[in-house]
Amino acid sequence: MGTSFKENLRTLLDCKDITIKELAYLSDVPKRSIENYLNARASMPPADYACKIAKALGTSVEYLVNGEAEKKSAFSSEAMQIARLYQKLPTSDKAVVERITKALSQ
């Protein structure tokens, strides 16, 4: 499981294929604020922003904060683990994984 808001937010954005700009629109949280939550210093959002972001991503604030998934999470723990591993890959390897996954799902 991710251990920080930053990691958990990044994992969900990757899993759901949502850009920061799209999340800003869906959550009504400024794009710059979301970028700050994902950058190297990774600030923690205020509660109202965390709630808006969680709602836009279809998850709980609890998951975003500490990585503990709800029982009715949209993704299994295995899928979340795969997403976390995927996000650590270099871009060239991500392209390979995407091609393989598409081929296997057809």
PDB file of N, CA and C in Angstrom:
ATOM      1  N   MET A   1       0.836  -1.173   0.000  1.00  0.00           N
ATOM      2  CA  MET A   1       0.000   0.000   0.000  1.00  0.00           C
ATOM      3  C   MET A   1       0.884   1.240   0.000  1.00  0.00           C
ATOM      4  N   GLY A   2       0.389   2.299  -0.611  1.00  0.00           N
ATOM      5  CA  GLY A   2       1.091   3.557  -0.560  1.00  0.00           C
ATOM      6  C   GLY A   2       1.126   4.064   0.869  1.00  0.00           C
ATOM      7  N   THR A   3       2.141   4.836   1.168  1.00  0.00           N
ATOM      8  CA  THR A   3       2.278   5.296   2.538  1.00  0.00           C
ATOM      9  C   THR A   3       2.011   6.778   2.695  1.00  0.00           C
ATOM     10  N   SER A   4       1.797   7.478   1.618  1.00  0.00           N
ATOM     11  CA  SER A   4       1.576   8.912   1.719  1.00  0.00           C
ATOM     12  C   SER A   4       0.453   9.347   0.799  1.00  0.00           C
ATOM     13  N   PHE A   5      -0.089  10.512   1.103  1.00  0.00           N
ATOM     14  CA  PHE A   5      -1.130  11.096   0.263  1.00  0.00           C
ATOM     15  C   PHE A   5      -0.626  11.200  -1.169  1.00  0.00           C
ATOM     16  N   LYS A   6       0.605  11.669  -1.313  1.00  0.00           N
ATOM     17  CA  LYS A   6       1.212  11.832  -2.638  1.00  0.00           C
ATOM     18  C   LYS A   6       1.216  10.516  -3.417  1.00  0.00           C
ATOM     19  N   GLU A   7       1.708   9.443  -2.800  1.00  0.00           N
ATOM     20  CA  GLU A   7       1.783   8.145  -3.477  1.00  0.00           C
ATOM     21  C   GLU A   7       0.398   7.603  -3.811  1.00  0.00           C
ATOM     22  N   ASN A   8      -0.517   7.714  -2.872  1.00  0.00           N
ATOM     23  CA  ASN A   8      -1.862   7.184  -3.094  1.00  0.00           C
ATOM     24  C   ASN A   8      -2.605   7.968  -4.167  1.00  0.00           C
ATOM     25  N   LEU A   9      -2.435   9.289  -4.169  1.00  0.00           N
ATOM     26  CA  LEU A   9      -3.056  10.111  -5.204  1.00  0.00           C
ATOM     27  C   LEU A   9      -2.479   9.764  -6.566  1.00  0.00           C
ATOM     28  N   ARG A  10      -1.164   9.641  -6.666  1.00  0.00           N
ATOM     29  CA  ARG A  10      -0.523   9.305  -7.942  1.00  0.00           C
ATOM     30  C   ARG A  10      -0.994   7.942  -8.445  1.00  0.00           C
ATOM     31  N   THR A  11      -1.107   6.974  -7.541  1.00  0.00           N
ATOM     32  CA  THR A  11      -1.558   5.637  -7.920  1.00  0.00           C
ATOM     33  C   THR A  11      -2.966   5.698  -8.505  1.00  0.00           C
ATOM     34  N   LEU A  12      -3.859   6.418  -7.856  1.00  0.00           N
ATOM     35  CA  LEU A  12      -5.233   6.513  -8.359  1.00  0.00           C
ATOM     36  C   LEU A  12      -5.295   7.246  -9.694  1.00  0.00           C
ATOM     37  N   LEU A  13      -4.536   8.313  -9.837  1.00  0.00           N
ATOM     38  CA  LEU A  13      -4.520   9.025 -11.115  1.00  0.00           C
ATOM     39  C   LEU A  13      -4.051   8.094 -12.227  1.00  0.00           C
ATOM     40  N   ASP A  14      -3.016   7.309 -11.953  1.00  0.00           N
ATOM     41  CA  ASP A  14      -2.503   6.366 -12.955  1.00  0.00           C
ATOM     42  C   ASP A  14      -3.507   5.259 -13.238  1.00  0.00           C
ATOM     43  N   CYS A  15      -4.091   4.691 -12.188  1.00  0.00           N
ATOM     44  CA  CYS A  15      -5.057   3.594 -12.355  1.00  0.00           C
ATOM     45  C   CYS A  15      -6.265   4.030 -13.170  1.00  0.00           C
ATOM     46  N   LYS A  16      -6.726   5.213 -12.902  1.00  0.00           N
ATOM     47  CA  LYS A  16      -7.946   5.699 -13.549  1.00  0.00           C
ATOM     48  C   LYS A  16      -7.650   6.504 -14.803  1.00  0.00           C
ATOM     49  N   ASP A  17      -6.366   6.640 -15.130  1.00  0.00           N
ATOM     50  CA  ASP A  17      -5.935   7.371 -16.324  1.00  0.00           C
ATOM     51  C   ASP A  17      -6.533   8.779 -16.358  1.00  0.00           C
ATOM     52  N   ILE A  18      -6.367   9.491 -15.250  1.00  0.00           N
ATOM     53  CA  ILE A  18      -6.873  10.852 -15.116  1.00  0.00           C
ATOM     54  C   ILE A  18      -5.675  11.795 -14.998  1.00  0.00           C
ATOM     55  N   THR A  19      -5.705  12.882 -15.741  1.00  0.00           N
ATOM     56  CA  THR A  19      -4.633  13.870 -15.652  1.00  0.00           C
ATOM     57  C   THR A  19      -4.894  14.814 -14.480  1.00  0.00           C
ATOM     58  N   ILE A  20      -3.878  15.547 -14.110  1.00  0.00           N
ATOM     59  CA  ILE A  20      -4.025  16.530 -13.040  1.00  0.00           C
ATOM     60  C   ILE A  20      -5.057  17.576 -13.444  1.00  0.00           C
ATOM     61  N   LYS A  21      -5.004  17.993 -14.688  1.00  0.00           N
ATOM     62  CA  LYS A  21      -5.959  18.993 -15.187  1.00  0.00           C
ATOM     63  C   LYS A  21      -7.392  18.470 -15.091  1.00  0.00           C
ATOM     64  N   GLU A  22      -7.595  17.209 -15.465  1.00  0.00           N
ATOM     65  CA  GLU A  22      -8.929  16.610 -15.375  1.00  0.00           C
ATOM     66  C   GLU A  22      -9.394  16.522 -13.920  1.00  0.00           C
ATOM     67  N   LEU A  23      -8.486  16.130 -13.038  1.00  0.00           N
ATOM     68  CA  LEU A  23      -8.845  16.035 -11.625  1.00  0.00           C
ATOM     69  C   LEU A  23      -9.214  17.409 -11.074  1.00  0.00           C
ATOM     70  N   ALA A  24      -8.482  18.422 -11.474  1.00  0.00           N
ATOM     71  CA  ALA A  24      -8.788  19.784 -11.028  1.00  0.00           C
ATOM     72  C   ALA A  24     -10.209  20.169 -11.447  1.00  0.00           C
ATOM     73  N   TYR A  25     -10.560  19.839 -12.666  1.00  0.00           N
ATOM     74  CA  TYR A  25     -11.903  20.136 -13.163  1.00  0.00           C
ATOM     75  C   TYR A  25     -12.960  19.327 -12.410  1.00  0.00           C
ATOM     76  N   LEU A  26     -12.731  18.033 -12.261  1.00  0.00           N
ATOM     77  CA  LEU A  26     -13.707  17.159 -11.609  1.00  0.00           C
ATOM     78  C   LEU A  26     -13.899  17.474 -10.127  1.00  0.00           C
ATOM     79  N   SER A  27     -12.828  17.919  -9.477  1.00  0.00           N
ATOM     80  CA  SER A  27     -12.884  18.135  -8.030  1.00  0.00           C
ATOM     81  C   SER A  27     -13.102  19.587  -7.636  1.00  0.00           C
ATOM     82  N   ASP A  28     -12.933  20.495  -8.569  1.00  0.00           N
ATOM     83  CA  ASP A  28     -13.010  21.925  -8.288  1.00  0.00           C
ATOM     84  C   ASP A  28     -11.919  22.346  -7.296  1.00  0.00           C
ATOM     85  N   VAL A  29     -10.772  21.679  -7.410  1.00  0.00           N
ATOM     86  CA  VAL A  29      -9.585  22.024  -6.638  1.00  0.00           C
ATOM     87  C   VAL A  29      -8.589  22.595  -7.643  1.00  0.00           C
ATOM     88  N   PRO A  30      -7.968  23.727  -7.338  1.00  0.00           N
ATOM     89  CA  PRO A  30      -7.039  24.324  -8.304  1.00  0.00           C
ATOM     90  C   PRO A  30      -5.934  23.352  -8.749  1.00  0.00           C
ATOM     91  N   LYS A  31      -5.637  23.397 -10.041  1.00  0.00           N
ATOM     92  CA  LYS A  31      -4.611  22.524 -10.622  1.00  0.00           C
ATOM     93  C   LYS A  31      -3.278  22.693  -9.889  1.00  0.00           C
ATOM     94  N   ARG A  32      -2.920  23.903  -9.577  1.00  0.00           N
ATOM     95  CA  ARG A  32      -1.648  24.163  -8.888  1.00  0.00           C
ATOM     96  C   ARG A  32      -1.618  23.493  -7.512  1.00  0.00           C
ATOM     97  N   SER A  33      -2.749  23.480  -6.830  1.00  0.00           N
ATOM     98  CA  SER A  33      -2.812  22.818  -5.523  1.00  0.00           C
ATOM     99  C   SER A  33      -2.559  21.326  -5.673  1.00  0.00           C
ATOM    100  N   ILE A  34      -3.202  20.712  -6.668  1.00  0.00           N
ATOM    101  CA  ILE A  34      -3.003  19.273  -6.895  1.00  0.00           C
ATOM    102  C   ILE A  34      -1.554  18.989  -7.242  1.00  0.00           C
ATOM    103  N   GLU A  35      -0.948  19.842  -8.072  1.00  0.00           N
ATOM    104  CA  GLU A  35       0.474  19.678  -8.398  1.00  0.00           C
ATOM    105  C   GLU A  35       1.329  19.740  -7.132  1.00  0.00           C
ATOM    106  N   ASN A  36       0.964  20.623  -6.208  1.00  0.00           N
ATOM    107  CA  ASN A  36       1.713  20.727  -4.947  1.00  0.00           C
ATOM    108  C   ASN A  36       1.597  19.448  -4.123  1.00  0.00           C
ATOM    109  N   TYR A  37       0.451  18.783  -4.166  1.00  0.00           N
ATOM    110  CA  TYR A  37       0.270  17.544  -3.404  1.00  0.00           C
ATOM    111  C   TYR A  37       1.094  16.406  -4.002  1.00  0.00           C
ATOM    112  N   LEU A  38       1.476  16.547  -5.279  1.00  0.00           N
ATOM    113  CA  LEU A  38       2.226  15.501  -5.974  1.00  0.00           C
ATOM    114  C   LEU A  38       3.719  15.805  -6.123  1.00  0.00           C
ATOM    115  N   ASN A  39       4.148  17.008  -5.783  1.00  0.00           N
ATOM    116  CA  ASN A  39       5.553  17.360  -6.009  1.00  0.00           C
ATOM    117  C   ASN A  39       6.457  16.822  -4.908  1.00  0.00           C
ATOM    118  N   ALA A  40       7.728  17.140  -5.012  1.00  0.00           N
ATOM    119  CA  ALA A  40       8.734  16.586  -4.096  1.00  0.00           C
ATOM    120  C   ALA A  40       8.447  16.901  -2.625  1.00  0.00           C
ATOM    121  N   ARG A  41       7.923  18.090  -2.340  1.00  0.00           N
ATOM    122  CA  ARG A  41       7.631  18.429  -0.949  1.00  0.00           C
ATOM    123  C   ARG A  41       6.283  17.874  -0.505  1.00  0.00           C
ATOM    124  N   ALA A  42       5.428  17.570  -1.438  1.00  0.00           N
ATOM    125  CA  ALA A  42       4.148  16.892  -1.212  1.00  0.00           C
ATOM    126  C   ALA A  42       3.406  17.371   0.032  1.00  0.00           C
ATOM    127  N   SER A  43       2.820  18.543  -0.069  1.00  0.00           N
ATOM    128  CA  SER A  43       2.025  19.043   1.047  1.00  0.00           C
ATOM    129  C   SER A  43       0.719  18.254   1.165  1.00  0.00           C
ATOM    130  N   MET A  44       0.136  18.274   2.343  1.00  0.00           N
ATOM    131  CA  MET A  44      -1.136  17.600   2.602  1.00  0.00           C
ATOM    132  C   MET A  44      -2.254  18.625   2.390  1.00  0.00           C
ATOM    133  N   PRO A  45      -3.314  18.261   1.666  1.00  0.00           N
ATOM    134  CA  PRO A  45      -4.391  19.227   1.417  1.00  0.00           C
ATOM    135  C   PRO A  45      -5.241  19.461   2.660  1.00  0.00           C
ATOM    136  N   PRO A  46      -5.925  20.592   2.696  1.00  0.00           N
ATOM    137  CA  PRO A  46      -6.891  20.790   3.773  1.00  0.00           C
ATOM    138  C   PRO A  46      -8.042  19.793   3.601  1.00  0.00           C
ATOM    139  N   ALA A  47      -8.799  19.561   4.649  1.00  0.00           N
ATOM    140  CA  ALA A  47      -9.853  18.543   4.642  1.00  0.00           C
ATOM    141  C   ALA A  47     -10.855  18.740   3.518  1.00  0.00           C
ATOM    142  N   ASP A  48     -11.263  19.986   3.255  1.00  0.00           N
ATOM    143  CA  ASP A  48     -12.262  20.201   2.211  1.00  0.00           C
ATOM    144  C   ASP A  48     -11.739  19.800   0.838  1.00  0.00           C
ATOM    145  N   TYR A  49     -10.471  20.084   0.545  1.00  0.00           N
ATOM    146  CA  TYR A  49      -9.885  19.675  -0.726  1.00  0.00           C
ATOM    147  C   TYR A  49      -9.705  18.158  -0.781  1.00  0.00           C
ATOM    148  N   ALA A  50      -9.275  17.560   0.316  1.00  0.00           N
ATOM    149  CA  ALA A  50      -9.107  16.102   0.347  1.00  0.00           C
ATOM    150  C   ALA A  50     -10.441  15.419   0.066  1.00  0.00           C
ATOM    151  N   CYS A  51     -11.517  15.934   0.634  1.00  0.00           N
ATOM    152  CA  CYS A  51     -12.854  15.362   0.397  1.00  0.00           C
ATOM    153  C   CYS A  51     -13.264  15.499  -1.066  1.00  0.00           C
ATOM    154  N   LYS A  52     -13.019  16.663  -1.656  1.00  0.00           N
ATOM    155  CA  LYS A  52     -13.368  16.880  -3.069  1.00  0.00           C
ATOM    156  C   LYS A  52     -12.567  15.953  -3.987  1.00  0.00           C
ATOM    157  N   ILE A  53     -11.284  15.808  -3.693  1.00  0.00           N
ATOM    158  CA  ILE A  53     -10.425  14.945  -4.511  1.00  0.00           C
ATOM    159  C   ILE A  53     -10.872  13.491  -4.386  1.00  0.00           C
ATOM    160  N   ALA A  54     -11.125  13.054  -3.160  1.00  0.00           N
ATOM    161  CA  ALA A  54     -11.568  11.671  -2.941  1.00  0.00           C
ATOM    162  C   ALA A  54     -12.867  11.400  -3.686  1.00  0.00           C
ATOM    163  N   LYS A  55     -13.808  12.314  -3.599  1.00  0.00           N
ATOM    164  CA  LYS A  55     -15.097  12.135  -4.281  1.00  0.00           C
ATOM    165  C   LYS A  55     -14.909  12.052  -5.797  1.00  0.00           C
ATOM    166  N   ALA A  56     -14.075  12.933  -6.336  1.00  0.00           N
ATOM    167  CA  ALA A  56     -13.835  12.947  -7.790  1.00  0.00           C
ATOM    168  C   ALA A  56     -13.184  11.649  -8.260  1.00  0.00           C
ATOM    169  N   LEU A  57     -12.375  11.022  -7.384  1.00  0.00           N
ATOM    170  CA  LEU A  57     -11.676   9.784  -7.750  1.00  0.00           C
ATOM    171  C   LEU A  57     -12.438   8.528  -7.336  1.00  0.00           C
ATOM    172  N   GLY A  58     -13.583   8.707  -6.691  1.00  0.00           N
ATOM    173  CA  GLY A  58     -14.385   7.553  -6.291  1.00  0.00           C
ATOM    174  C   GLY A  58     -13.731   6.732  -5.197  1.00  0.00           C
ATOM    175  N   THR A  59     -13.077   7.407  -4.258  1.00  0.00           N
ATOM    176  CA  THR A  59     -12.415   6.715  -3.163  1.00  0.00           C
ATOM    177  C   THR A  59     -12.698   7.443  -1.863  1.00  0.00           C
ATOM    178  N   SER A  60     -12.046   7.024  -0.805  1.00  0.00           N
ATOM    179  CA  SER A  60     -12.220   7.672   0.493  1.00  0.00           C
ATOM    180  C   SER A  60     -11.012   8.539   0.821  1.00  0.00           C
ATOM    181  N   VAL A  61     -11.243   9.506   1.688  1.00  0.00           N
ATOM    182  CA  VAL A  61     -10.143  10.326   2.179  1.00  0.00           C
ATOM    183  C   VAL A  61      -9.170   9.427   2.934  1.00  0.00           C
ATOM    184  N   GLU A  62      -9.703   8.455   3.648  1.00  0.00           N
ATOM    185  CA  GLU A  62      -8.863   7.524   4.397  1.00  0.00           C
ATOM    186  C   GLU A  62      -7.867   6.822   3.473  1.00  0.00           C
ATOM    187  N   TYR A  63      -8.330   6.382   2.306  1.00  0.00           N
ATOM    188  CA  TYR A  63      -7.411   5.733   1.371  1.00  0.00           C
ATOM    189  C   TYR A  63      -6.333   6.711   0.923  1.00  0.00           C
ATOM    190  N   LEU A  64      -6.738   7.930   0.571  1.00  0.00           N
ATOM    191  CA  LEU A  64      -5.758   8.904   0.100  1.00  0.00           C
ATOM    192  C   LEU A  64      -4.712   9.219   1.172  1.00  0.00           C
ATOM    193  N   VAL A  65      -5.143   9.281   2.423  1.00  0.00           N
ATOM    194  CA  VAL A  65      -4.230   9.664   3.494  1.00  0.00           C
ATOM    195  C   VAL A  65      -3.300   8.530   3.911  1.00  0.00           C
ATOM    196  N   ASN A  66      -3.849   7.325   4.089  1.00  0.00           N
ATOM    197  CA  ASN A  66      -3.002   6.257   4.629  1.00  0.00           C
ATOM    198  C   ASN A  66      -2.983   4.966   3.823  1.00  0.00           C
ATOM    199  N   GLY A  67      -3.647   4.943   2.687  1.00  0.00           N
ATOM    200  CA  GLY A  67      -3.588   3.775   1.819  1.00  0.00           C
ATOM    201  C   GLY A  67      -4.506   2.641   2.202  1.00  0.00           C
ATOM    202  N   GLU A  68      -5.337   2.847   3.214  1.00  0.00           N
ATOM    203  CA  GLU A  68      -6.266   1.792   3.617  1.00  0.00           C
ATOM    204  C   GLU A  68      -7.515   1.885   2.756  1.00  0.00           C
ATOM    205  N   ALA A  69      -7.692   0.858   1.927  1.00  0.00           N
ATOM    206  CA  ALA A  69      -8.806   0.849   0.982  1.00  0.00           C
ATOM    207  C   ALA A  69     -10.109   0.510   1.688  1.00  0.00           C
ATOM    208  N   GLU A  70     -11.170   1.079   1.170  1.00  0.00           N
ATOM    209  CA  GLU A  70     -12.507   0.736   1.650  1.00  0.00           C
ATOM    210  C   GLU A  70     -12.831  -0.686   1.233  1.00  0.00           C
ATOM    211  N   LYS A  71     -13.769  -1.287   1.910  1.00  0.00           N
ATOM    212  CA  LYS A  71     -14.187  -2.637   1.533  1.00  0.00           C
ATOM    213  C   LYS A  71     -14.788  -2.659   0.138  1.00  0.00           C
ATOM    214  N   LYS A  72     -15.413  -1.572  -0.275  1.00  0.00           N
ATOM    215  CA  LYS A  72     -16.043  -1.539  -1.598  1.00  0.00           C
ATOM    216  C   LYS A  72     -15.217  -0.722  -2.598  1.00  0.00           C
ATOM    217  N   SER A  73     -13.908  -0.793  -2.486  1.00  0.00           N
ATOM    218  CA  SER A  73     -13.012  -0.064  -3.362  1.00  0.00           C
ATOM    219  C   SER A  73     -13.223  -0.477  -4.819  1.00  0.00           C
ATOM    220  N   ALA A  74     -13.021   0.477  -5.703  1.00  0.00           N
ATOM    221  CA  ALA A  74     -13.183   0.215  -7.131  1.00  0.00           C
ATOM    222  C   ALA A  74     -12.097  -0.717  -7.658  1.00  0.00           C
ATOM    223  N   PHE A  75     -10.961  -0.790  -6.960  1.00  0.00           N
ATOM    224  CA  PHE A  75      -9.851  -1.620  -7.399  1.00  0.00           C
ATOM    225  C   PHE A  75      -9.449  -2.577  -6.293  1.00  0.00           C
ATOM    226  N   SER A  76      -9.110  -3.787  -6.666  1.00  0.00           N
ATOM    227  CA  SER A  76      -8.642  -4.767  -5.680  1.00  0.00           C
ATOM    228  C   SER A  76      -7.257  -4.371  -5.194  1.00  0.00           C
ATOM    229  N   SER A  77      -6.845  -4.948  -4.087  1.00  0.00           N
ATOM    230  CA  SER A  77      -5.505  -4.643  -3.579  1.00  0.00           C
ATOM    231  C   SER A  77      -4.440  -5.104  -4.570  1.00  0.00           C
ATOM    232  N   GLU A  78      -4.722  -6.184  -5.305  1.00  0.00           N
ATOM    233  CA  GLU A  78      -3.771  -6.663  -6.305  1.00  0.00           C
ATOM    234  C   GLU A  78      -3.629  -5.648  -7.443  1.00  0.00           C
ATOM    235  N   ALA A  79      -4.747  -5.071  -7.868  1.00  0.00           N
ATOM    236  CA  ALA A  79      -4.706  -4.076  -8.940  1.00  0.00           C
ATOM    237  C   ALA A  79      -3.956  -2.828  -8.490  1.00  0.00           C
ATOM    238  N   MET A  80      -4.153  -2.440  -7.243  1.00  0.00           N
ATOM    239  CA  MET A  80      -3.457  -1.274  -6.721  1.00  0.00           C
ATOM    240  C   MET A  80      -1.952  -1.547  -6.633  1.00  0.00           C
ATOM    241  N   GLN A  81      -1.578  -2.755  -6.245  1.00  0.00           N
ATOM    242  CA  GLN A  81      -0.159  -3.113  -6.166  1.00  0.00           C
ATOM    243  C   GLN A  81       0.473  -3.076  -7.554  1.00  0.00           C
ATOM    244  N   ILE A  82      -0.233  -3.587  -8.544  1.00  0.00           N
ATOM    245  CA  ILE A  82       0.278  -3.559  -9.919  1.00  0.00           C
ATOM    246  C   ILE A  82       0.452  -2.116 -10.373  1.00  0.00           C
ATOM    247  N   ALA A  83      -0.501  -1.258 -10.038  1.00  0.00           N
ATOM    248  CA  ALA A  83      -0.410   0.154 -10.420  1.00  0.00           C
ATOM    249  C   ALA A  83       0.799   0.826  -9.763  1.00  0.00           C
ATOM    250  N   ARG A  84       1.047   0.514  -8.503  1.00  0.00           N
ATOM    251  CA  ARG A  84       2.203   1.093  -7.812  1.00  0.00           C
ATOM    252  C   ARG A  84       3.515   0.637  -8.465  1.00  0.00           C
ATOM    253  N   LEU A  85       3.590  -0.633  -8.825  1.00  0.00           N
ATOM    254  CA  LEU A  85       4.791  -1.140  -9.493  1.00  0.00           C
ATOM    255  C   LEU A  85       4.949  -0.503 -10.869  1.00  0.00           C
ATOM    256  N   TYR A  86       3.837  -0.381 -11.587  1.00  0.00           N
ATOM    257  CA  TYR A  86       3.839   0.216 -12.924  1.00  0.00           C
ATOM    258  C   TYR A  86       4.358   1.651 -12.876  1.00  0.00           C
ATOM    259  N   GLN A  87       3.925   2.409 -11.879  1.00  0.00           N
ATOM    260  CA  GLN A  87       4.326   3.812 -11.838  1.00  0.00           C
ATOM    261  C   GLN A  87       5.818   3.985 -11.568  1.00  0.00           C
ATOM    262  N   LYS A  88       6.478   2.966 -11.062  1.00  0.00           N
ATOM    263  CA  LYS A  88       7.917   3.031 -10.809  1.00  0.00           C
ATOM    264  C   LYS A  88       8.746   2.711 -12.053  1.00  0.00           C
ATOM    265  N   LEU A  89       8.109   2.186 -13.101  1.00  0.00           N
ATOM    266  CA  LEU A  89       8.826   1.793 -14.312  1.00  0.00           C
ATOM    267  C   LEU A  89       9.261   3.002 -15.138  1.00  0.00           C
ATOM    268  N   PRO A  90      10.353   2.860 -15.880  1.00  0.00           N
ATOM    269  CA  PRO A  90      10.722   3.906 -16.844  1.00  0.00           C
ATOM    270  C   PRO A  90       9.663   3.969 -17.952  1.00  0.00           C
ATOM    271  N   THR A  91       9.564   5.103 -18.590  1.00  0.00           N
ATOM    272  CA  THR A  91       8.549   5.316 -19.620  1.00  0.00           C
ATOM    273  C   THR A  91       8.596   4.260 -20.716  1.00  0.00           C
ATOM    274  N   SER A  92       9.777   3.877 -21.150  1.00  0.00           N
ATOM    275  CA  SER A  92       9.889   2.883 -22.227  1.00  0.00           C
ATOM    276  C   SER A  92       9.308   1.532 -21.788  1.00  0.00           C
ATOM    277  N   ASP A  93       9.527   1.163 -20.536  1.00  0.00           N
ATOM    278  CA  ASP A  93       8.982  -0.100 -20.035  1.00  0.00           C
ATOM    279  C   ASP A  93       7.462  -0.022 -19.863  1.00  0.00           C
ATOM    280  N   LYS A  94       6.966   1.158 -19.529  1.00  0.00           N
ATOM    281  CA  LYS A  94       5.515   1.328 -19.398  1.00  0.00           C
ATOM    282  C   LYS A  94       4.832   1.053 -20.734  1.00  0.00           C
ATOM    283  N   ALA A  95       5.438   1.518 -21.802  1.00  0.00           N
ATOM    284  CA  ALA A  95       4.862   1.298 -23.138  1.00  0.00           C
ATOM    285  C   ALA A  95       4.801  -0.192 -23.451  1.00  0.00           C
ATOM    286  N   VAL A  96       5.820  -0.932 -23.082  1.00  0.00           N
ATOM    287  CA  VAL A  96       5.843  -2.382 -23.300  1.00  0.00           C
ATOM    288  C   VAL A  96       4.737  -3.054 -22.486  1.00  0.00           C
ATOM    289  N   VAL A  97       4.624  -2.679 -21.228  1.00  0.00           N
ATOM    290  CA  VAL A  97       3.590  -3.262 -20.354  1.00  0.00           C
ATOM    291  C   VAL A  97       2.200  -2.971 -20.915  1.00  0.00           C
ATOM    292  N   GLU A  98       1.983  -1.761 -21.401  1.00  0.00           N
ATOM    293  CA  GLU A  98       0.685  -1.399 -21.977  1.00  0.00           C
ATOM    294  C   GLU A  98       0.367  -2.245 -23.207  1.00  0.00           C
ATOM    295  N   ARG A  99       1.352  -2.450 -24.077  1.00  0.00           N
ATOM    296  CA  ARG A  99       1.120  -3.267 -25.284  1.00  0.00           C
ATOM    297  C   ARG A  99       0.801  -4.710 -24.897  1.00  0.00           C
ATOM    298  N   ILE A 100       1.533  -5.259 -23.944  1.00  0.00           N
ATOM    299  CA  ILE A 100       1.298  -6.630 -23.507  1.00  0.00           C
ATOM    300  C   ILE A 100      -0.083  -6.756 -22.878  1.00  0.00           C
ATOM    301  N   THR A 101      -0.429  -5.815 -22.014  1.00  0.00           N
ATOM    302  CA  THR A 101      -1.738  -5.849 -21.351  1.00  0.00           C
ATOM    303  C   THR A 101      -2.875  -5.758 -22.360  1.00  0.00           C
ATOM    304  N   LYS A 102      -2.743  -4.881 -23.333  1.00  0.00           N
ATOM    305  CA  LYS A 102      -3.781  -4.759 -24.374  1.00  0.00           C
ATOM    306  C   LYS A 102      -3.906  -6.061 -25.159  1.00  0.00           C
ATOM    307  N   ALA A 103      -2.783  -6.656 -25.503  1.00  0.00           N
ATOM    308  CA  ALA A 103      -2.794  -7.909 -26.267  1.00  0.00           C
ATOM    309  C   ALA A 103      -3.463  -9.026 -25.474  1.00  0.00           C
ATOM    310  N   LEU A 104      -3.143  -9.108 -24.188  1.00  0.00           N
ATOM    311  CA  LEU A 104      -3.710 -10.180 -23.362  1.00  0.00           C
ATOM    312  C   LEU A 104      -5.197  -9.975 -23.076  1.00  0.00           C
ATOM    313  N   SER A 105      -5.653  -8.738 -23.086  1.00  0.00           N
ATOM    314  CA  SER A 105      -7.056  -8.482 -22.760  1.00  0.00           C
ATOM    315  C   SER A 105      -7.994  -8.663 -23.955  1.00  0.00           C
ATOM    316  N   GLN A 106      -7.432  -8.889 -25.127  1.00  0.00           N
ATOM    317  CA  GLN A 106      -8.282  -9.033 -26.314  1.00  0.00           C
ATOM    318  C   GLN A 106      -8.675 -10.474 -26.550  1.00  0.00           C
TER     319      GLN A 106
END
